[in-house]
Amino acid sequence: MTHTASSPARPVEPPRLAIFKTGDSFADVVAEHGDFEDLFSARLDGFRRRGGVIEVIDVRRQPLPAISDQDGVVVTGSHAMVSDREAWSEALKPWLREALDRGLPLFGVCYGHQLMAEAFGGSAGYHPRGRECGTRTLTLTEAGRGDPLFGVLPYAFAAQLTHAQSALSRPETATVLAANDHDPNQALRYGPAQYSVQFHPEFTVQVTAAYLAHQRDILVAQDEDVEALERSVVETPEASSLLDAFALTLFDRRS
């Protein structure tokens, strides 16, 4: 009896994660800690160690890639405002809608959170209570506690925040995963692998402290106790873990 040698299995290519850069940080933050894309990349250590590929695309200046070429996308924060409806920002909305329809994993942060909420049928704009900044406590909703990504977090967890605008209303099909007394839409899920958060999982203690310093006058004008906010800045390992956890799910989708 003759045996036909089987062809060796072709290796599975590692997943690619695109970081959609939507803005730049303050010059001093960039000089000391890196720009937004650097902060995100630093939180993706597990993804990189497993061989995941990270690509940064500045969507303000570069053409949007083909959705079929992506395995997952993270949309960063920005000092721009979603309500200004800049051309590059508006162009990203239909791309995100198609990505959602195709089931592409997405994770939006701050500006990305507000933009995704608007793209999928909600609204974003200036929060009526002003800016939220510093380390704040968020709580999971019942849906959040049962979510495969958020459900590993404690019911109450600390997160770094800095934003003047918010997702003021969520899309009808979105599920709220986390909230606090300032913002009822701190984390949203739009599909099985499509998430966005108002907080900054990429921020370190040092970056949050720098943002508090930059926004001191605004916060004082809001009658915030800035010294108390500065003292309360702590590490946020649970919130920060979400980025790598999201990225690592891309390996499961490739297997």
C-alpha atoms as a PDB file:
ATOM      1  CA  MET A   1       0.000   0.000   0.000  1.00  0.00           C
ATOM      2  CA  THR A   2       1.328   3.412  -0.870  1.00  0.00           C
ATOM      3  CA  HIS A   3       0.873   6.394   1.385  1.00  0.00           C
ATOM      4  CA  THR A   4       0.558   9.951   0.171  1.00  0.00           C
ATOM      5  CA  ALA A   5       2.548  12.383   2.247  1.00  0.00           C
ATOM      6  CA  SER A   6       0.344  15.118   3.621  1.00  0.00           C
ATOM      7  CA  SER A   7       1.329  18.712   3.083  1.00  0.00           C
ATOM      8  CA  PRO A   8       2.669  20.436   6.179  1.00  0.00           C
ATOM      9  CA  ALA A   9       0.167  22.728   7.844  1.00  0.00           C
ATOM     10  CA  ARG A  10       0.660  26.339   6.884  1.00  0.00           C
ATOM     11  CA  PRO A  11       1.491  28.470   9.910  1.00  0.00           C
ATOM     12  CA  VAL A  12      -1.257  30.778  11.069  1.00  0.00           C
ATOM     13  CA  GLU A  13      -0.188  34.377  10.593  1.00  0.00           C
ATOM     14  CA  PRO A  14      -0.249  36.491  13.767  1.00  0.00           C
ATOM     15  CA  PRO A  15      -3.107  38.969  14.061  1.00  0.00           C
ATOM     16  CA  ARG A  16      -2.626  42.603  13.166  1.00  0.00           C
ATOM     17  CA  LEU A  17      -3.953  45.352  15.419  1.00  0.00           C
ATOM     18  CA  ALA A  18      -4.265  48.844  13.956  1.00  0.00           C
ATOM     19  CA  ILE A  19      -4.067  51.850  16.281  1.00  0.00           C
ATOM     20  CA  PHE A  20      -6.087  54.648  14.685  1.00  0.00           C
ATOM     21  CA  LYS A  21      -4.375  57.808  15.912  1.00  0.00           C
ATOM     22  CA  THR A  22      -6.858  60.678  16.151  1.00  0.00           C
ATOM     23  CA  GLY A  23      -4.743  63.311  17.917  1.00  0.00           C
ATOM     24  CA  ASP A  24      -1.568  64.314  19.722  1.00  0.00           C
ATOM     25  CA  SER A  25      -0.935  64.764  23.422  1.00  0.00           C
ATOM     26  CA  PHE A  26       0.601  67.843  25.031  1.00  0.00           C
ATOM     27  CA  ALA A  27       4.197  68.486  23.951  1.00  0.00           C
ATOM     28  CA  ASP A  28       5.603  67.918  27.434  1.00  0.00           C
ATOM     29  CA  VAL A  29       3.699  64.637  27.795  1.00  0.00           C
ATOM     30  CA  VAL A  30       5.008  63.468  24.424  1.00  0.00           C
ATOM     31  CA  ALA A  31       8.582  64.415  25.362  1.00  0.00           C
ATOM     32  CA  GLU A  32       8.498  62.572  28.695  1.00  0.00           C
ATOM     33  CA  HIS A  33       6.076  59.702  28.144  1.00  0.00           C
ATOM     34  CA  GLY A  34       5.392  59.382  24.415  1.00  0.00           C
ATOM     35  CA  ASP A  35       2.379  60.256  22.294  1.00  0.00           C
ATOM     36  CA  PHE A  36      -0.992  58.512  22.418  1.00  0.00           C
ATOM     37  CA  GLU A  37       0.074  55.629  20.179  1.00  0.00           C
ATOM     38  CA  ASP A  38       3.113  54.991  22.401  1.00  0.00           C
ATOM     39  CA  LEU A  39       0.956  54.848  25.522  1.00  0.00           C
ATOM     40  CA  PHE A  40      -1.361  52.325  23.854  1.00  0.00           C
ATOM     41  CA  SER A  41       1.496  50.202  22.572  1.00  0.00           C
ATOM     42  CA  ALA A  42       2.995  50.036  26.062  1.00  0.00           C
ATOM     43  CA  ARG A  43      -0.233  48.432  27.348  1.00  0.00           C
ATOM     44  CA  LEU A  44      -0.119  45.700  24.672  1.00  0.00           C
ATOM     45  CA  ASP A  45       2.855  43.762  25.989  1.00  0.00           C
ATOM     46  CA  GLY A  46       1.107  40.385  26.037  1.00  0.00           C
ATOM     47  CA  PHE A  47      -0.139  40.849  22.488  1.00  0.00           C
ATOM     48  CA  ARG A  48       3.359  41.720  21.262  1.00  0.00           C
ATOM     49  CA  ARG A  49       5.021  38.849  23.166  1.00  0.00           C
ATOM     50  CA  ARG A  50       2.708  36.372  21.440  1.00  0.00           C
ATOM     51  CA  GLY A  51       3.764  37.785  18.081  1.00  0.00           C
ATOM     52  CA  GLY A  52       0.901  40.186  17.422  1.00  0.00           C
ATOM     53  CA  VAL A  53       1.651  42.957  14.948  1.00  0.00           C
ATOM     54  CA  ILE A  54       0.809  46.593  15.790  1.00  0.00           C
ATOM     55  CA  GLU A  55       0.413  49.232  13.096  1.00  0.00           C
ATOM     56  CA  VAL A  56      -0.218  52.931  13.754  1.00  0.00           C
ATOM     57  CA  ILE A  57      -2.397  54.777  11.233  1.00  0.00           C
ATOM     58  CA  ASP A  58      -2.845  58.524  11.654  1.00  0.00           C
ATOM     59  CA  VAL A  59      -6.385  58.828  10.342  1.00  0.00           C
ATOM     60  CA  ARG A  60      -6.094  62.616  10.191  1.00  0.00           C
ATOM     61  CA  ARG A  61      -3.422  62.379   7.490  1.00  0.00           C
ATOM     62  CA  GLN A  62      -3.375  58.839   6.100  1.00  0.00           C
ATOM     63  CA  PRO A  63      -6.020  57.075   4.001  1.00  0.00           C
ATOM     64  CA  LEU A  64      -8.257  54.653   5.830  1.00  0.00           C
ATOM     65  CA  PRO A  65      -7.201  51.042   5.218  1.00  0.00           C
ATOM     66  CA  ALA A  66      -9.335  48.291   3.741  1.00  0.00           C
ATOM     67  CA  ILE A  67     -11.455  46.730   6.469  1.00  0.00           C
ATOM     68  CA  SER A  68     -10.615  43.275   5.127  1.00  0.00           C
ATOM     69  CA  ASP A  69      -6.911  43.917   5.836  1.00  0.00           C
ATOM     70  CA  GLN A  70      -7.514  44.450   9.568  1.00  0.00           C
ATOM     71  CA  ASP A  71      -7.909  41.965  12.420  1.00  0.00           C
ATOM     72  CA  GLY A  72      -8.763  44.579  15.024  1.00  0.00           C
ATOM     73  CA  VAL A  73      -8.722  48.355  15.517  1.00  0.00           C
ATOM     74  CA  VAL A  74      -8.200  50.617  18.517  1.00  0.00           C
ATOM     75  CA  VAL A  75      -9.332  54.251  18.103  1.00  0.00           C
ATOM     76  CA  THR A  76      -7.384  56.639  20.346  1.00  0.00           C
ATOM     77  CA  GLY A  77      -8.335  59.763  22.206  1.00  0.00           C
ATOM     78  CA  SER A  78      -7.742  63.258  20.884  1.00  0.00           C
ATOM     79  CA  HIS A  79      -7.707  66.896  21.916  1.00  0.00           C
ATOM     80  CA  ALA A  80     -10.141  67.466  19.031  1.00  0.00           C
ATOM     81  CA  MET A  81     -13.877  67.522  19.704  1.00  0.00           C
ATOM     82  CA  VAL A  82     -16.291  65.156  17.986  1.00  0.00           C
ATOM     83  CA  SER A  83     -18.864  67.954  17.750  1.00  0.00           C
ATOM     84  CA  ASP A  84     -16.465  69.979  15.546  1.00  0.00           C
ATOM     85  CA  ARG A  85     -17.110  67.374  12.832  1.00  0.00           C
ATOM     86  CA  GLU A  86     -13.729  67.680  11.173  1.00  0.00           C
ATOM     87  CA  ALA A  87     -13.552  66.082   7.712  1.00  0.00           C
ATOM     88  CA  TRP A  88     -11.242  63.225   8.762  1.00  0.00           C
ATOM     89  CA  SER A  89     -13.471  62.463  11.756  1.00  0.00           C
ATOM     90  CA  GLU A  90     -16.677  62.399   9.724  1.00  0.00           C
ATOM     91  CA  ALA A  91     -14.997  60.163   7.133  1.00  0.00           C
ATOM     92  CA  LEU A  92     -14.229  57.638   9.844  1.00  0.00           C
ATOM     93  CA  LYS A  93     -17.891  57.177  10.796  1.00  0.00           C
ATOM     94  CA  PRO A  94     -19.011  55.183   7.710  1.00  0.00           C
ATOM     95  CA  TRP A  95     -15.803  53.125   7.935  1.00  0.00           C
ATOM     96  CA  LEU A  96     -16.672  52.228  11.532  1.00  0.00           C
ATOM     97  CA  ARG A  97     -20.255  51.390  10.607  1.00  0.00           C
ATOM     98  CA  GLU A  98     -19.087  49.003   7.899  1.00  0.00           C
ATOM     99  CA  ALA A  99     -16.501  47.519  10.257  1.00  0.00           C
ATOM    100  CA  LEU A 100     -19.244  46.866  12.810  1.00  0.00           C
ATOM    101  CA  ASP A 101     -21.448  45.276  10.160  1.00  0.00           C
ATOM    102  CA  ARG A 102     -18.575  42.980   9.163  1.00  0.00           C
ATOM    103  CA  GLY A 103     -17.833  42.016  12.763  1.00  0.00           C
ATOM    104  CA  LEU A 104     -14.366  43.587  12.936  1.00  0.00           C
ATOM    105  CA  PRO A 105     -13.215  43.844  16.580  1.00  0.00           C
ATOM    106  CA  LEU A 106     -13.119  47.500  17.668  1.00  0.00           C
ATOM    107  CA  PHE A 107     -12.070  49.308  20.832  1.00  0.00           C
ATOM    108  CA  GLY A 108     -12.591  53.069  21.083  1.00  0.00           C
ATOM    109  CA  VAL A 109     -11.132  55.272  23.831  1.00  0.00           C
ATOM    110  CA  CYS A 110     -12.359  58.766  24.848  1.00  0.00           C
ATOM    111  CA  TYR A 111     -12.617  60.516  21.465  1.00  0.00           C
ATOM    112  CA  GLY A 112     -12.892  57.075  19.898  1.00  0.00           C
ATOM    113  CA  HIS A 113     -15.688  56.241  22.347  1.00  0.00           C
ATOM    114  CA  GLN A 114     -17.662  59.363  21.493  1.00  0.00           C
ATOM    115  CA  LEU A 115     -17.072  58.939  17.760  1.00  0.00           C
ATOM    116  CA  MET A 116     -18.205  55.316  17.800  1.00  0.00           C
ATOM    117  CA  ALA A 117     -21.307  56.241  19.798  1.00  0.00           C
ATOM    118  CA  GLU A 118     -22.227  58.861  17.189  1.00  0.00           C
ATOM    119  CA  ALA A 119     -21.349  56.617  14.240  1.00  0.00           C
ATOM    120  CA  PHE A 120     -23.665  53.902  15.546  1.00  0.00           C
ATOM    121  CA  GLY A 121     -26.649  56.136  16.268  1.00  0.00           C
ATOM    122  CA  GLY A 122     -25.994  57.939  19.556  1.00  0.00           C
ATOM    123  CA  SER A 123     -24.814  61.485  20.196  1.00  0.00           C
ATOM    124  CA  ALA A 124     -21.742  63.179  21.649  1.00  0.00           C
ATOM    125  CA  GLY A 125     -21.121  66.687  22.928  1.00  0.00           C
ATOM    126  CA  TYR A 126     -20.011  68.800  25.874  1.00  0.00           C
ATOM    127  CA  HIS A 127     -20.994  67.326  29.215  1.00  0.00           C
ATOM    128  CA  PRO A 128     -23.365  69.661  31.083  1.00  0.00           C
ATOM    129  CA  ARG A 129     -21.354  69.206  34.310  1.00  0.00           C
ATOM    130  CA  GLY A 130     -18.058  70.131  32.674  1.00  0.00           C
ATOM    131  CA  ARG A 131     -14.748  68.325  32.556  1.00  0.00           C
ATOM    132  CA  GLU A 132     -14.013  65.082  34.400  1.00  0.00           C
ATOM    133  CA  CYS A 133     -10.339  64.551  35.173  1.00  0.00           C
ATOM    134  CA  GLY A 134      -8.205  62.383  37.436  1.00  0.00           C
ATOM    135  CA  THR A 135      -8.547  58.888  38.857  1.00  0.00           C
ATOM    136  CA  ARG A 136     -12.224  58.085  39.377  1.00  0.00           C
ATOM    137  CA  THR A 137     -14.164  55.023  40.494  1.00  0.00           C
ATOM    138  CA  LEU A 138     -16.460  53.277  38.019  1.00  0.00           C
ATOM    139  CA  THR A 139     -18.868  50.421  38.624  1.00  0.00           C
ATOM    140  CA  LEU A 140     -19.915  47.608  36.343  1.00  0.00           C
ATOM    141  CA  THR A 141     -23.511  47.214  35.327  1.00  0.00           C
ATOM    142  CA  GLU A 142     -25.157  43.802  35.446  1.00  0.00           C
ATOM    143  CA  ALA A 143     -24.340  43.447  31.747  1.00  0.00           C
ATOM    144  CA  GLY A 144     -20.753  44.435  32.452  1.00  0.00           C
ATOM    145  CA  ARG A 145     -20.394  41.763  35.104  1.00  0.00           C
ATOM    146  CA  GLY A 146     -21.521  39.178  32.563  1.00  0.00           C
ATOM    147  CA  ASP A 147     -19.397  40.478  29.703  1.00  0.00           C
ATOM    148  CA  PRO A 148     -16.486  38.255  28.562  1.00  0.00           C
ATOM    149  CA  LEU A 149     -14.059  41.207  28.474  1.00  0.00           C
ATOM    150  CA  PHE A 150     -15.261  43.362  31.393  1.00  0.00           C
ATOM    151  CA  GLY A 151     -16.581  40.569  33.602  1.00  0.00           C
ATOM    152  CA  VAL A 152     -13.122  39.769  35.014  1.00  0.00           C
ATOM    153  CA  LEU A 153     -12.899  43.271  36.539  1.00  0.00           C
ATOM    154  CA  PRO A 154     -14.053  43.941  40.101  1.00  0.00           C
ATOM    155  CA  TYR A 155     -17.505  45.460  40.488  1.00  0.00           C
ATOM    156  CA  ALA A 156     -15.888  48.825  41.388  1.00  0.00           C
ATOM    157  CA  PHE A 157     -12.600  49.728  39.737  1.00  0.00           C
ATOM    158  CA  ALA A 158     -10.420  52.806  39.303  1.00  0.00           C
ATOM    159  CA  ALA A 159      -9.840  54.424  35.908  1.00  0.00           C
ATOM    160  CA  GLN A 160      -7.994  57.474  34.578  1.00  0.00           C
ATOM    161  CA  LEU A 161     -10.198  60.129  32.991  1.00  0.00           C
ATOM    162  CA  THR A 162      -9.883  63.424  31.201  1.00  0.00           C
ATOM    163  CA  HIS A 163     -12.700  64.634  28.969  1.00  0.00           C
ATOM    164  CA  ALA A 164     -14.948  67.608  28.364  1.00  0.00           C
ATOM    165  CA  GLN A 165     -17.252  65.811  25.920  1.00  0.00           C
ATOM    166  CA  SER A 166     -19.099  62.551  26.479  1.00  0.00           C
ATOM    167  CA  ALA A 167     -21.337  60.082  24.745  1.00  0.00           C
ATOM    168  CA  LEU A 168     -24.480  61.951  25.789  1.00  0.00           C
ATOM    169  CA  SER A 169     -26.799  59.289  24.429  1.00  0.00           C
ATOM    170  CA  ARG A 170     -25.975  55.751  23.457  1.00  0.00           C
ATOM    171  CA  PRO A 171     -27.149  53.957  20.320  1.00  0.00           C
ATOM    172  CA  GLU A 172     -30.347  51.987  20.865  1.00  0.00           C
ATOM    173  CA  THR A 173     -28.511  48.732  20.238  1.00  0.00           C
ATOM    174  CA  ALA A 174     -25.588  49.529  22.595  1.00  0.00           C
ATOM    175  CA  THR A 175     -25.225  47.937  26.031  1.00  0.00           C
ATOM    176  CA  VAL A 176     -23.840  49.911  28.986  1.00  0.00           C
ATOM    177  CA  LEU A 177     -21.063  47.997  30.755  1.00  0.00           C
ATOM    178  CA  ALA A 178     -19.754  50.582  33.247  1.00  0.00           C
ATOM    179  CA  ALA A 179     -20.843  53.938  34.674  1.00  0.00           C
ATOM    180  CA  ASN A 180     -20.232  56.477  37.425  1.00  0.00           C
ATOM    181  CA  ASP A 181     -22.098  59.439  38.861  1.00  0.00           C
ATOM    182  CA  HIS A 182     -20.659  61.788  36.226  1.00  0.00           C
ATOM    183  CA  ASP A 183     -21.271  59.697  33.145  1.00  0.00           C
ATOM    184  CA  PRO A 184     -23.774  56.854  32.740  1.00  0.00           C
ATOM    185  CA  ASN A 185     -22.083  55.704  29.509  1.00  0.00           C
ATOM    186  CA  GLN A 186     -18.498  55.079  30.644  1.00  0.00           C
ATOM    187  CA  ALA A 187     -18.248  51.819  28.697  1.00  0.00           C
ATOM    188  CA  LEU A 188     -20.408  50.563  25.850  1.00  0.00           C
ATOM    189  CA  ARG A 189     -20.625  47.362  23.831  1.00  0.00           C
ATOM    190  CA  TYR A 190     -22.047  47.503  20.302  1.00  0.00           C
ATOM    191  CA  GLY A 191     -21.550  43.886  19.285  1.00  0.00           C
ATOM    192  CA  PRO A 192     -19.772  40.738  20.478  1.00  0.00           C
ATOM    193  CA  ALA A 193     -16.307  42.237  19.840  1.00  0.00           C
ATOM    194  CA  GLN A 194     -16.978  45.968  19.517  1.00  0.00           C
ATOM    195  CA  TYR A 195     -16.394  48.135  22.603  1.00  0.00           C
ATOM    196  CA  SER A 196     -15.690  51.720  23.575  1.00  0.00           C
ATOM    197  CA  VAL A 197     -14.772  53.422  26.853  1.00  0.00           C
ATOM    198  CA  GLN A 198     -14.761  57.032  28.020  1.00  0.00           C
ATOM    199  CA  PHE A 199     -11.830  56.442  30.372  1.00  0.00           C
ATOM    200  CA  HIS A 200      -8.158  56.055  29.429  1.00  0.00           C
ATOM    201  CA  PRO A 201      -6.812  52.521  29.986  1.00  0.00           C
ATOM    202  CA  GLU A 202      -3.545  53.624  28.353  1.00  0.00           C
ATOM    203  CA  PHE A 203      -2.799  56.415  30.878  1.00  0.00           C
ATOM    204  CA  THR A 204      -0.216  56.012  33.630  1.00  0.00           C
ATOM    205  CA  VAL A 205      -0.170  57.857  36.959  1.00  0.00           C
ATOM    206  CA  GLN A 206       2.397  60.283  35.546  1.00  0.00           C
ATOM    207  CA  VAL A 207       0.347  61.073  32.434  1.00  0.00           C
ATOM    208  CA  THR A 208      -2.823  61.611  34.481  1.00  0.00           C
ATOM    209  CA  ALA A 209      -0.925  63.952  36.814  1.00  0.00           C
ATOM    210  CA  ALA A 210       0.321  65.912  33.794  1.00  0.00           C
ATOM    211  CA  TYR A 211      -3.227  66.287  32.466  1.00  0.00           C
ATOM    212  CA  LEU A 212      -4.431  67.516  35.840  1.00  0.00           C
ATOM    213  CA  ALA A 213      -1.684  70.146  35.786  1.00  0.00           C
ATOM    214  CA  HIS A 214      -2.617  71.281  32.276  1.00  0.00           C
ATOM    215  CA  GLN A 215      -6.299  71.542  33.179  1.00  0.00           C
ATOM    216  CA  ARG A 216      -5.916  73.055  36.647  1.00  0.00           C
ATOM    217  CA  ASP A 217      -7.506  76.418  35.732  1.00  0.00           C
ATOM    218  CA  ILE A 218     -10.516  74.758  34.095  1.00  0.00           C
ATOM    219  CA  LEU A 219     -11.029  72.480  37.079  1.00  0.00           C
ATOM    220  CA  VAL A 220     -10.687  75.338  39.573  1.00  0.00           C
ATOM    221  CA  ALA A 221     -13.317  77.259  37.610  1.00  0.00           C
ATOM    222  CA  GLN A 222     -15.602  74.247  38.071  1.00  0.00           C
ATOM    223  CA  ASP A 223     -15.028  74.412  41.854  1.00  0.00           C
ATOM    224  CA  GLU A 224     -13.051  71.173  41.808  1.00  0.00           C
ATOM    225  CA  ASP A 225     -10.555  70.506  44.602  1.00  0.00           C
ATOM    226  CA  VAL A 226      -7.507  70.058  42.379  1.00  0.00           C
ATOM    227  CA  GLU A 227      -5.181  69.239  45.276  1.00  0.00           C
ATOM    228  CA  ALA A 228      -7.501  66.417  46.318  1.00  0.00           C
ATOM    229  CA  LEU A 229      -7.638  65.171  42.738  1.00  0.00           C
ATOM    230  CA  GLU A 230      -3.843  65.198  42.564  1.00  0.00           C
ATOM    231  CA  ARG A 231      -3.552  63.226  45.818  1.00  0.00           C
ATOM    232  CA  SER A 232      -6.061  60.642  44.621  1.00  0.00           C
ATOM    233  CA  VAL A 233      -4.219  59.687  41.424  1.00  0.00           C
ATOM    234  CA  VAL A 234      -3.325  55.990  41.647  1.00  0.00           C
ATOM    235  CA  GLU A 235      -2.445  53.165  39.302  1.00  0.00           C
ATOM    236  CA  THR A 236      -5.420  51.576  37.529  1.00  0.00           C
ATOM    237  CA  PRO A 237      -4.333  48.029  36.664  1.00  0.00           C
ATOM    238  CA  GLU A 238      -7.843  46.658  36.151  1.00  0.00           C
ATOM    239  CA  ALA A 239      -8.859  49.333  33.664  1.00  0.00           C
ATOM    240  CA  SER A 240      -5.476  49.185  31.938  1.00  0.00           C
ATOM    241  CA  SER A 241      -5.729  45.410  31.497  1.00  0.00           C
ATOM    242  CA  LEU A 242      -8.617  45.824  29.073  1.00  0.00           C
ATOM    243  CA  LEU A 243      -6.409  46.847  26.140  1.00  0.00           C
ATOM    244  CA  ASP A 244      -4.228  43.748  26.179  1.00  0.00           C
ATOM    245  CA  ALA A 245      -7.209  41.524  26.958  1.00  0.00           C
ATOM    246  CA  PHE A 246      -9.028  42.909  23.916  1.00  0.00           C
ATOM    247  CA  ALA A 247      -5.967  42.492  21.681  1.00  0.00           C
ATOM    248  CA  LEU A 248      -5.355  38.920  22.845  1.00  0.00           C
ATOM    249  CA  THR A 249      -8.866  37.911  21.720  1.00  0.00           C
ATOM    250  CA  LEU A 250      -7.650  38.441  18.152  1.00  0.00           C
ATOM    251  CA  PHE A 251      -5.536  35.287  18.476  1.00  0.00           C
ATOM    252  CA  ASP A 252      -8.660  33.267  19.299  1.00  0.00           C
ATOM    253  CA  ARG A 253     -10.320  34.547  16.151  1.00  0.00           C
ATOM    254  CA  ARG A 254      -7.307  33.463  14.080  1.00  0.00           C
ATOM    255  CA  SER A 255      -7.131  29.896  15.423  1.00  0.00           C
END
